[in-house]
């Protein structure tokens, strides 16, 4: 049996979560427009009928996949850091955690590139509000007045978003692990008050 024959064999009944994860993988690597039922079915080694068993349309899959990403990567990170009492330590932990979520970065960068898409736009708006609120609250608790806390939150958030955009859209050379860790430490030193 050839490798292509093995790929075409069904690997058992796929769940909606399998389709969502496959969509997220494609979205992370190639963007929102690359999420296509036929190519996903080929990748998963099943027919398009498997897709239609779980989702009525490509848009329904896209929405479910993005919702899954948001819940897993957003809610879990935020829920974890919100429990940290010291606001400076909360900010440090947030920056450390998000710096290590490679798949989440790739998905978020792809969503930013498609932020005018009707399914993506409300997600980006919701995530941005939530992240800015978390950052603003932490900076305010760290001793900044409301306006300064909001400014610092915007600076931190745009530094993160801008870094992703530079790496994804503008072909910046990739940092090696050591250089990246040094950059993350610099960001934390710069953006987290002593």
Protein backbone atom coordinates (compact mmCIF):
# COMPACT_ATOMS: atom_id res chain seq x y z
CA UNK A 1 0.00 0.00 0.00
CA UNK A 2 1.44 3.38 -0.99
CA UNK A 3 1.65 6.41 1.26
CA UNK A 4 -1.06 8.18 -0.75
CA UNK A 5 -3.34 5.15 -0.36
CA UNK A 6 -2.80 5.23 3.38
CA UNK A 7 -3.69 8.92 3.51
CA UNK A 8 -6.93 8.29 1.62
CA UNK A 9 -8.07 5.61 4.07
CA UNK A 10 -10.53 6.85 6.64
CA UNK A 11 -9.04 7.02 10.10
CA UNK A 12 -12.36 6.56 11.79
CA UNK A 13 -15.23 8.91 12.31
CA UNK A 14 -14.06 12.49 12.60
CA UNK A 15 -15.56 14.83 15.13
CA UNK A 16 -16.41 18.48 14.64
CA UNK A 17 -13.36 19.23 16.80
CA UNK A 18 -11.13 17.38 14.29
CA UNK A 19 -12.44 19.60 11.50
CA UNK A 20 -12.05 22.71 13.67
CA UNK A 21 -8.44 21.85 14.50
CA UNK A 22 -7.64 21.15 10.86
CA UNK A 23 -9.18 24.51 9.93
CA UNK A 24 -7.10 26.25 12.61
CA UNK A 25 -3.94 24.58 11.32
CA UNK A 26 -4.62 25.82 7.79
CA UNK A 27 -5.66 29.25 9.03
CA UNK A 28 -2.43 29.56 11.03
CA UNK A 29 -0.24 28.61 8.09
CA UNK A 30 -2.05 30.15 5.14
CA UNK A 31 -4.76 32.53 6.35
CA UNK A 32 -8.53 32.66 6.50
CA UNK A 33 -9.11 32.39 2.75
CA UNK A 34 -7.16 29.12 2.60
CA UNK A 35 -9.68 27.31 4.81
CA UNK A 36 -11.53 25.24 2.20
CA UNK A 37 -13.71 22.17 2.69
CA UNK A 38 -12.30 20.13 -0.18
CA UNK A 39 -8.64 20.59 0.76
CA UNK A 40 -9.39 19.96 4.44
CA UNK A 41 -11.19 16.72 3.52
CA UNK A 42 -8.18 15.66 1.45
CA UNK A 43 -5.81 16.48 4.33
CA UNK A 44 -7.97 14.57 6.80
CA UNK A 45 -8.35 11.62 4.40
CA UNK A 46 -12.15 11.72 4.29
CA UNK A 47 -14.89 12.79 1.92
CA UNK A 48 -16.66 16.14 2.02
CA UNK A 49 -19.66 14.23 3.39
CA UNK A 50 -17.88 13.99 6.71
CA UNK A 51 -17.68 17.78 6.78
CA UNK A 52 -21.39 18.22 6.03
CA UNK A 53 -22.24 15.81 8.81
CA UNK A 54 -20.90 18.42 11.27
CA UNK A 55 -21.21 21.79 9.54
CA UNK A 56 -23.73 23.25 7.10
CA UNK A 57 -21.21 25.65 5.50
CA UNK A 58 -17.56 26.63 5.37
CA UNK A 59 -18.47 29.78 7.31
CA UNK A 60 -19.96 27.67 10.11
CA UNK A 61 -16.69 25.72 10.33
CA UNK A 62 -14.65 28.92 10.28
CA UNK A 63 -16.74 30.42 13.08
CA UNK A 64 -16.56 27.24 15.18
CA UNK A 65 -12.79 26.98 14.69
CA UNK A 66 -12.19 30.61 15.64
CA UNK A 67 -14.51 30.29 18.64
CA UNK A 68 -12.57 27.21 19.73
CA UNK A 69 -9.26 29.07 19.39
CA UNK A 70 -10.62 32.04 21.32
CA UNK A 71 -11.94 29.90 24.14
CA UNK A 72 -8.84 27.73 24.43
CA UNK A 73 -6.13 30.29 23.91
CA UNK A 74 -7.79 33.43 25.19
CA UNK A 75 -9.94 32.24 28.06
CA UNK A 76 -7.35 29.83 29.47
CA UNK A 77 -4.52 32.38 29.40
CA UNK A 78 -6.63 35.18 30.80
CA UNK A 79 -8.23 32.98 33.46
CA UNK A 80 -4.77 31.87 34.58
CA UNK A 81 -3.20 35.33 34.81
CA UNK A 82 -6.25 37.00 36.39
CA UNK A 83 -5.73 34.82 39.48
CA UNK A 84 -2.32 36.42 40.13
CA UNK A 85 -2.78 39.05 42.84
CA UNK A 86 0.28 41.22 42.20
CA UNK A 87 -0.35 43.29 39.05
CA UNK A 88 3.33 43.45 38.06
CA UNK A 89 3.67 39.70 38.36
CA UNK A 90 0.38 39.32 36.44
CA UNK A 91 1.81 41.40 33.58
CA UNK A 92 5.09 39.45 33.58
CA UNK A 93 3.24 36.14 33.51
CA UNK A 94 0.93 37.35 30.75
CA UNK A 95 3.86 38.44 28.58
CA UNK A 96 5.72 35.18 29.25
CA UNK A 97 2.69 33.01 28.53
CA UNK A 98 1.65 34.69 25.31
CA UNK A 99 5.25 34.73 24.07
CA UNK A 100 5.27 30.94 24.05
CA UNK A 101 1.96 30.28 22.31
CA UNK A 102 3.27 29.87 18.75
CA UNK A 103 0.11 28.38 17.22
CA UNK A 104 -2.00 31.04 18.89
CA UNK A 105 0.29 33.78 17.51
CA UNK A 106 -0.05 32.39 14.01
CA UNK A 107 -3.84 32.19 14.25
CA UNK A 108 -4.10 35.68 15.71
CA UNK A 109 -1.80 37.15 13.04
CA UNK A 110 -3.91 35.50 10.31
CA UNK A 111 -7.07 36.88 11.91
CA UNK A 112 -5.56 40.37 12.04
CA UNK A 113 -4.86 40.13 8.31
CA UNK A 114 -8.51 39.25 7.71
CA UNK A 115 -9.98 41.64 10.27
CA UNK A 116 -12.53 42.98 7.77
CA UNK A 117 -14.02 39.47 7.27
CA UNK A 118 -17.56 39.38 8.76
CA UNK A 119 -16.80 36.35 10.93
CA UNK A 120 -13.39 37.60 12.03
CA UNK A 121 -14.19 41.26 12.74
CA UNK A 122 -16.31 40.74 15.89
CA UNK A 123 -13.76 38.28 17.26
CA UNK A 124 -10.86 40.70 16.81
CA UNK A 125 -12.92 43.48 18.40
CA UNK A 126 -13.91 41.28 21.36
CA UNK A 127 -10.37 39.98 21.90
CA UNK A 128 -8.89 43.46 21.65
CA UNK A 129 -11.35 44.86 24.20
CA UNK A 130 -10.69 41.97 26.58
CA UNK A 131 -6.91 42.18 26.27
CA UNK A 132 -6.88 45.97 26.64
CA UNK A 133 -9.16 45.76 29.68
CA UNK A 134 -6.88 43.17 31.31
CA UNK A 135 -3.77 45.25 30.62
CA UNK A 136 -5.39 48.53 31.69
CA UNK A 137 -6.62 47.01 34.92
CA UNK A 138 -3.18 45.58 35.74
CA UNK A 139 -1.41 48.87 35.01
CA UNK A 140 -3.98 50.76 37.07
CA UNK A 141 -3.49 48.35 39.98
CA UNK A 142 0.27 48.83 39.59
CA UNK A 143 -0.19 52.50 40.48
CA UNK A 144 -0.88 54.33 37.22
CA UNK A 145 -3.79 56.74 36.93
CA UNK A 146 -6.61 55.68 34.59
CA UNK A 147 -5.31 57.60 31.56
CA UNK A 148 -1.69 56.45 31.96
CA UNK A 149 -2.84 52.87 32.52
CA UNK A 150 -4.89 52.98 29.30
CA UNK A 151 -1.93 54.42 27.38
CA UNK A 152 0.44 51.75 28.66
CA UNK A 153 -2.11 49.05 27.85
CA UNK A 154 -2.38 50.33 24.27
CA UNK A 155 1.39 50.47 23.95
CA UNK A 156 1.79 46.88 25.20
CA UNK A 157 -1.01 45.58 22.98
CA UNK A 158 0.20 47.35 19.86
CA UNK A 159 3.76 46.14 20.53
CA UNK A 160 2.42 42.57 20.55
CA UNK A 161 0.20 43.01 17.49
CA UNK A 162 2.90 44.90 15.62
CA UNK A 163 5.49 42.22 16.35
CA UNK A 164 3.18 39.58 14.91
CA UNK A 165 2.43 41.69 11.84
CA UNK A 166 6.12 42.33 11.19
CA UNK A 167 6.91 38.65 11.38
CA UNK A 168 3.93 37.42 9.38
CA UNK A 169 3.33 40.07 6.75
CA UNK A 170 6.61 41.81 6.19
CA UNK A 171 9.03 38.92 5.93
CA UNK A 172 11.23 39.96 8.81
CA UNK A 173 14.00 37.44 9.50
CA UNK A 174 13.10 34.95 12.20
CA UNK A 175 14.85 35.31 15.53
CA UNK A 176 16.62 32.29 16.93
CA UNK A 177 15.44 31.03 20.31
CA UNK A 178 18.03 32.93 22.35
CA UNK A 179 17.43 36.20 20.51
CA UNK A 180 13.67 35.81 20.92
CA UNK A 181 13.96 35.14 24.66
CA UNK A 182 16.17 38.22 25.00
CA UNK A 183 13.55 40.24 23.12
CA UNK A 184 10.75 38.98 25.40
CA UNK A 185 12.81 39.86 28.48
CA UNK A 186 13.42 43.34 27.02
CA UNK A 187 9.69 43.81 26.40
CA UNK A 188 8.91 42.79 29.97
CA UNK A 189 11.61 45.08 31.41
CA UNK A 190 10.36 47.96 29.26
CA UNK A 191 6.61 47.51 29.74
CA UNK A 192 6.28 46.19 33.30
CA UNK A 193 6.90 48.81 35.97
CA UNK A 194 9.53 47.95 38.57
